[in-house]
Protein backbone atom coordinates (compact mmCIF):
# COMPACT_ATOMS: atom_id res chain seq x y z
CA MET A 1 314.54 78.31 59.46
CA LEU A 2 317.04 78.92 56.74
CA SER A 3 316.76 75.31 55.52
CA GLY A 4 313.09 75.85 54.64
CA MET A 5 313.45 79.20 52.94
CA ASN A 6 313.14 77.66 49.41
CA ILE A 7 310.07 75.52 50.14
CA TYR A 8 307.88 78.13 48.43
CA ALA A 9 310.07 78.02 45.32
CA LEU A 10 310.06 74.22 45.33
CA ARG A 11 306.30 74.16 45.49
CA ILE A 12 306.05 76.55 42.58
CA ALA A 13 308.54 74.42 40.65
CA ASP A 14 306.43 71.31 41.30
CA PHE A 15 303.34 73.12 40.10
CA TYR A 16 305.23 74.34 37.02
CA ASN A 17 306.40 70.82 36.13
CA ALA A 18 302.97 69.26 36.63
CA ASN A 19 301.38 71.98 34.52
CA ASN A 20 303.98 71.36 31.81
CA VAL A 21 303.01 67.70 31.69
CA ASP A 22 299.32 68.61 31.37
CA LEU A 23 300.16 71.21 28.72
CA GLY A 24 302.05 68.62 26.73
CA LYS A 25 299.05 66.26 26.82
CA THR A 26 296.73 69.05 25.72
CA MET A 27 299.01 69.97 22.81
CA PHE A 28 299.13 66.29 21.79
CA ARG A 29 295.34 66.08 21.83
CA LEU A 30 295.08 69.24 19.76
CA ALA A 31 297.61 67.94 17.25
CA SER A 32 295.98 64.49 16.92
CA GLY A 33 292.35 65.50 17.39
CA LYS A 34 291.89 62.58 19.81
CA LYS A 35 291.26 62.50 23.53
CA THR A 36 291.20 58.73 24.06
CA PHE A 37 294.13 56.64 22.85
CA SER A 38 294.17 53.69 25.25
CA PRO A 39 292.14 52.13 28.08
CA SER A 40 294.17 54.14 30.57
CA ASP A 41 292.66 57.37 29.21
CA ASN A 42 289.06 56.24 29.72
CA SER A 43 288.48 52.50 29.67
CA ALA A 44 284.70 52.65 29.19
CA ASP A 45 284.82 55.13 26.30
CA TYR A 46 287.81 53.36 24.78
CA MET A 47 286.06 49.96 24.68
CA ARG A 48 282.83 51.42 23.32
CA ALA A 49 284.77 53.28 20.64
CA GLN A 50 286.58 50.08 19.67
CA SER A 51 283.21 48.34 19.30
CA PHE A 52 281.90 51.15 17.11
CA ASN A 53 285.06 51.04 14.99
CA ALA A 54 284.69 47.28 14.49
CA THR A 55 281.09 47.78 13.38
CA TYR A 56 282.22 50.49 10.97
CA ARG A 57 284.86 48.21 9.43
CA ASN A 58 282.41 45.33 9.08
CA TYR A 59 279.85 47.49 7.31
CA SER A 60 282.57 48.87 5.06
CA HIS A 61 283.16 45.30 3.84
CA VAL A 62 279.43 44.98 3.09
CA VAL A 63 279.51 48.26 1.17
CA ASP A 64 282.55 47.10 -0.81
CA THR A 65 280.73 43.89 -1.77
CA LEU A 66 277.62 45.83 -2.74
CA SER A 67 279.73 48.17 -4.85
CA GLU A 68 281.41 45.22 -6.58
CA TRP A 69 278.13 43.53 -7.49
CA GLY A 70 276.59 46.86 -8.41
CA SER A 71 279.31 47.09 -11.06
CA ALA A 72 278.58 43.49 -12.09
CA MET A 73 274.86 44.28 -12.52
CA GLU A 74 275.77 47.37 -14.52
CA THR A 75 277.84 45.13 -16.80
CA ALA A 76 274.95 42.66 -17.16
CA SER A 77 272.47 45.46 -17.85
CA SER A 78 274.71 47.05 -20.47
CA ALA A 79 275.32 43.72 -22.22
CA ALA A 80 271.63 42.81 -22.18
CA GLY A 81 270.78 46.26 -23.53
CA THR A 82 273.20 45.74 -26.41
CA VAL A 83 271.57 42.37 -27.20
CA LEU A 84 268.14 44.03 -27.15
CA ASP A 85 269.33 46.75 -29.52
CA ASN A 86 270.62 44.05 -31.87
CA LEU A 87 267.31 42.19 -31.70
CA ASN A 88 265.43 45.37 -32.55
CA ARG A 89 267.65 45.82 -35.58
CA MET A 90 267.14 42.15 -36.53
CA LYS A 91 263.38 42.62 -36.40
CA GLU A 92 263.73 45.69 -38.59
CA LEU A 93 265.74 43.62 -41.09
CA VAL A 94 262.96 41.00 -41.16
CA TYR A 95 260.47 43.74 -41.93
CA LEU A 96 262.67 45.19 -44.70
CA ALA A 97 263.25 41.74 -46.19
CA ASP A 98 259.52 41.03 -46.08
CA GLN A 99 258.86 44.17 -48.08
CA LYS A 100 261.46 43.18 -50.66
CA ILE A 101 260.78 39.46 -50.95
CA SER A 102 257.16 40.04 -51.96
CA ASP A 103 258.30 42.40 -54.70
CA PRO A 104 258.48 40.67 -58.12
CA VAL A 105 261.52 42.71 -58.96
CA ALA A 106 263.25 42.23 -55.63
CA ASN A 107 266.89 43.14 -55.52
CA SER A 108 268.70 39.94 -54.50
CA ALA A 109 271.84 41.85 -53.53
CA GLU A 110 269.84 43.94 -51.09
CA LEU A 111 268.16 40.85 -49.64
CA ASN A 112 271.54 39.21 -49.28
CA SER A 113 272.81 42.25 -47.36
CA TYR A 114 269.85 41.96 -44.95
CA GLN A 115 270.62 38.27 -44.51
CA THR A 116 274.32 38.97 -43.85
CA GLU A 117 273.61 41.66 -41.27
CA PHE A 118 270.98 39.50 -39.58
CA ALA A 119 273.44 36.62 -39.27
CA GLU A 120 276.19 38.90 -37.96
CA LEU A 121 273.88 40.37 -35.31
CA ALA A 122 272.74 36.90 -34.24
CA SER A 123 276.37 35.80 -33.95
CA ALA A 124 277.21 38.93 -31.98
CA ASN A 125 274.32 38.26 -29.59
CA LYS A 126 275.50 34.72 -29.01
CA SER A 127 279.00 35.97 -28.25
CA ILE A 128 277.73 38.64 -25.86
CA VAL A 129 275.49 36.22 -23.99
CA GLN A 130 278.17 33.58 -23.62
CA SER A 131 281.11 35.87 -22.81
CA THR A 132 279.61 38.43 -20.44
CA ASN A 133 280.92 37.47 -17.01
CA TRP A 134 282.16 38.98 -13.77
CA ASN A 135 285.31 37.51 -12.28
CA GLY A 136 284.59 34.21 -13.99
CA THR A 137 280.85 34.14 -13.17
CA SER A 138 278.54 34.18 -16.18
CA LEU A 139 276.01 36.99 -15.89
CA LEU A 140 273.62 36.47 -18.82
CA ASN A 141 273.91 32.76 -19.56
CA ASN A 142 273.37 31.67 -15.95
CA PRO A 143 270.00 30.50 -14.54
CA ASN A 144 271.49 29.81 -11.11
CA GLN A 145 272.14 31.89 -8.03
CA ILE A 146 275.02 34.16 -8.90
CA THR A 147 275.80 35.39 -5.39
CA ALA A 148 274.31 36.21 -1.99
CA ILE A 149 275.36 39.50 -0.39
CA TYR A 150 275.02 39.34 3.40
CA LEU A 151 273.77 42.73 4.50
CA VAL A 152 274.28 42.50 8.27
CA PRO A 153 277.84 41.71 9.42
CA GLY A 154 278.06 38.40 11.24
CA SER A 155 274.56 37.27 10.20
CA VAL A 156 273.28 35.12 7.33
CA ASP A 157 269.63 35.96 8.04
CA TYR A 158 269.58 39.10 5.91
CA SER A 159 270.95 38.86 2.41
CA LEU A 160 270.41 40.10 -1.12
CA VAL A 161 270.36 37.03 -3.38
CA ILE A 162 271.17 37.71 -7.02
CA HIS A 163 269.34 34.95 -8.88
CA PRO A 164 268.25 35.73 -12.49
CA ASP A 165 266.03 32.55 -12.47
CA GLU A 166 266.85 31.76 -16.08
CA ALA A 167 269.59 32.39 -18.59
CA VAL A 168 269.01 34.57 -21.62
CA ASN A 169 269.38 31.73 -24.13
CA VAL A 170 268.12 28.56 -22.43
CA ALA A 171 264.67 28.35 -24.02
CA ALA A 172 264.49 25.87 -26.91
CA ASP A 173 262.72 28.29 -29.24
CA ILE A 174 265.37 30.96 -28.72
CA ASP A 175 268.44 28.78 -29.12
CA PRO A 176 268.32 28.73 -32.95
CA LEU A 177 268.47 32.52 -32.95
CA LEU A 178 271.83 32.33 -31.23
CA THR A 179 273.27 29.16 -32.77
CA ASP A 180 271.80 28.44 -36.21
CA THR A 181 271.10 31.51 -38.30
CA GLY A 182 270.71 29.31 -41.37
CA ASN A 183 267.14 28.66 -40.25
CA HIS A 184 266.37 32.29 -40.92
CA SER A 185 267.13 32.89 -44.57
CA LEU A 186 265.71 36.33 -45.22
CA ASN A 187 266.30 35.99 -48.94
CA VAL A 188 264.43 32.68 -49.51
CA ASP A 189 260.70 32.73 -48.72
CA ALA A 190 258.03 34.06 -46.40
CA ALA A 191 258.11 30.98 -44.16
CA LYS A 192 261.75 31.56 -43.30
CA LEU A 193 260.99 35.20 -42.64
CA GLN A 194 258.19 34.26 -40.27
CA ALA A 195 260.48 31.84 -38.41
CA ALA A 196 263.08 34.60 -38.05
CA GLU A 197 260.50 37.04 -36.72
CA ASP A 198 259.09 34.48 -34.28
CA HIS A 199 262.52 33.76 -32.86
CA VAL A 200 263.37 37.44 -32.55
CA ASP A 201 260.07 38.09 -30.75
CA ALA A 202 260.67 35.12 -28.45
CA ALA A 203 264.17 36.38 -27.62
CA MET A 204 262.84 39.85 -26.87
CA GLY A 205 260.11 38.33 -24.72
CA GLN A 206 262.72 36.61 -22.59
CA LEU A 207 265.29 39.39 -22.58
CA ARG A 208 263.01 42.19 -21.39
CA PRO A 209 262.12 40.46 -18.07
CA PHE A 210 265.79 39.68 -17.59
CA ILE A 211 266.67 43.36 -18.00
CA THR A 212 263.88 44.28 -15.57
CA THR A 213 265.18 41.73 -13.05
CA ILE A 214 268.73 43.09 -13.29
CA GLY A 215 267.37 46.63 -12.92
CA GLY A 216 265.62 45.53 -9.72
CA TYR A 217 268.88 44.17 -8.34
CA GLN A 218 270.60 47.45 -9.20
CA SER A 219 267.93 49.43 -7.33
CA ASN A 220 268.17 47.12 -4.31
CA ILE A 221 271.94 47.40 -4.24
CA GLN A 222 271.83 51.19 -4.47
CA SER A 223 269.20 51.39 -1.70
CA GLN A 224 271.23 49.13 0.58
CA GLN A 225 274.35 51.18 -0.10
CA LYS A 226 272.51 54.29 1.10
CA VAL A 227 271.29 52.49 4.22
CA ASP A 228 274.77 51.18 5.04
CA ALA A 229 276.35 54.57 4.34
CA SER A 230 273.94 56.09 6.87
CA ILE A 231 274.75 53.38 9.42
CA MET A 232 278.48 53.91 8.93
CA GLN A 233 278.14 57.67 9.28
CA ASN A 234 276.17 57.36 12.52
CA VAL A 235 278.57 54.76 13.94
CA LYS A 236 281.52 56.98 13.07
CA SER A 237 279.85 59.94 14.74
CA ALA A 238 279.20 57.91 17.89
CA SER A 239 282.84 56.81 17.96
CA SER A 240 284.02 60.39 17.43
CA VAL A 241 281.99 61.62 20.40
CA LEU A 242 283.88 59.16 22.58
CA THR A 243 287.38 59.66 21.18
CA ASP A 244 287.61 63.05 19.47
CA ILE A 245 288.36 66.25 21.29
CA GLY A 246 286.07 69.22 21.61
CA GLU A 247 288.39 71.72 19.95
CA ALA A 248 286.91 74.79 21.61
CA ASP A 249 287.15 73.24 25.08
CA GLU A 250 290.69 72.02 24.44
CA MET A 251 291.76 75.50 23.29
CA ILE A 252 290.36 76.97 26.51
CA THR A 253 292.32 74.37 28.50
CA TYR A 254 295.44 75.07 26.44
CA THR A 255 295.13 78.81 27.01
CA SER A 256 294.60 78.32 30.75
CA GLN A 257 297.61 76.02 31.04
CA SER A 258 299.78 78.45 29.07
CA ILE A 259 298.81 81.28 31.41
CA ARG A 260 299.61 79.08 34.42
CA LYS A 261 302.98 78.27 32.92
CA GLN A 262 303.88 81.92 32.44
CA THR A 263 302.53 82.85 35.87
CA SER A 264 304.42 80.05 37.66
CA LEU A 265 307.64 81.07 35.88
CA ALA A 266 307.19 84.64 37.10
CA MET A 267 306.39 83.47 40.65
CA LEU A 268 309.38 81.12 40.64
CA ALA A 269 311.65 83.92 39.57
CA GLN A 270 310.20 86.15 42.29
CA ALA A 271 310.67 83.41 44.92
CA ASN A 272 314.31 82.99 43.93
CA VAL A 273 314.90 86.74 44.12
CA SER A 274 313.28 86.87 47.57
CA SER A 275 315.44 84.04 48.89
CA GLN A 276 318.61 85.73 47.58
CA SER A 277 317.59 88.97 49.31
CA ILE A 278 317.16 87.18 52.65
CA LEU A 279 320.56 85.55 52.30
CA LEU A 280 322.11 88.97 51.68
CA LEU A 281 320.26 90.33 54.71
CA TYR A 282 321.84 87.69 56.95
CA GLY A 283 325.18 88.17 55.35
CA LEU A 284 325.19 84.60 53.98
CA LYS A 285 325.48 85.47 50.32
CA GLY A 286 328.51 83.89 48.76
CA GLN A 287 329.25 81.55 51.75
């Protein structure tokens, strides 16, 4: 009989230790915010969460690529806008020169200044068209496919192909505007003026569709970014449902386990006191 007197205390101690282990796991979940760390926690949820996380990472690569080429299209749009502004100024100079050249008392110095500015703007346009690039890829002077952004990870069936169709300065009637400004002598005669105006108009006629095309790519990129951001958010939410804790539920569990810990300590102390009293009763205390 005496050999089993502490069985009650041992059982309480076992309960206390097991509860401590559970309490430690609960505190770890509360600290990390996660309830599933490995297949041993919940193999089904763990594998599904891993699949969701892989999908999230794959779409993040798509979003990064979209962001990169969105910046590239912004560069192309800005450069093309600058060229268009220069062309508008060049057309204004043709108009001003036309007003002066028909004047019998035309100021040659003023005409020469128009000619100089016209030539400088044409040279600037040529430089902008030829030098605007993104990571070595020409953006304005490139009639070819610039890139294809694959929108669905692991599939080549859905892509956004950036293909301007033609370069800004490939047409034969526009090339002189960018390469040989001597053909447009604003201070010589009306024929030269007309040639200058024709080339400026032709350049504008080609540049405006290019700007519209680039604007369309920008809109498509922004729309796809929104779609992918929504997909990533939903995938992340689905993964969180499987792996993240419910904080309110975990706090209830934590509180319950803390109460059990305190209660088991009190019961263990009481069991030890009871066993000591019985030993004293039998006169075995101290033997």
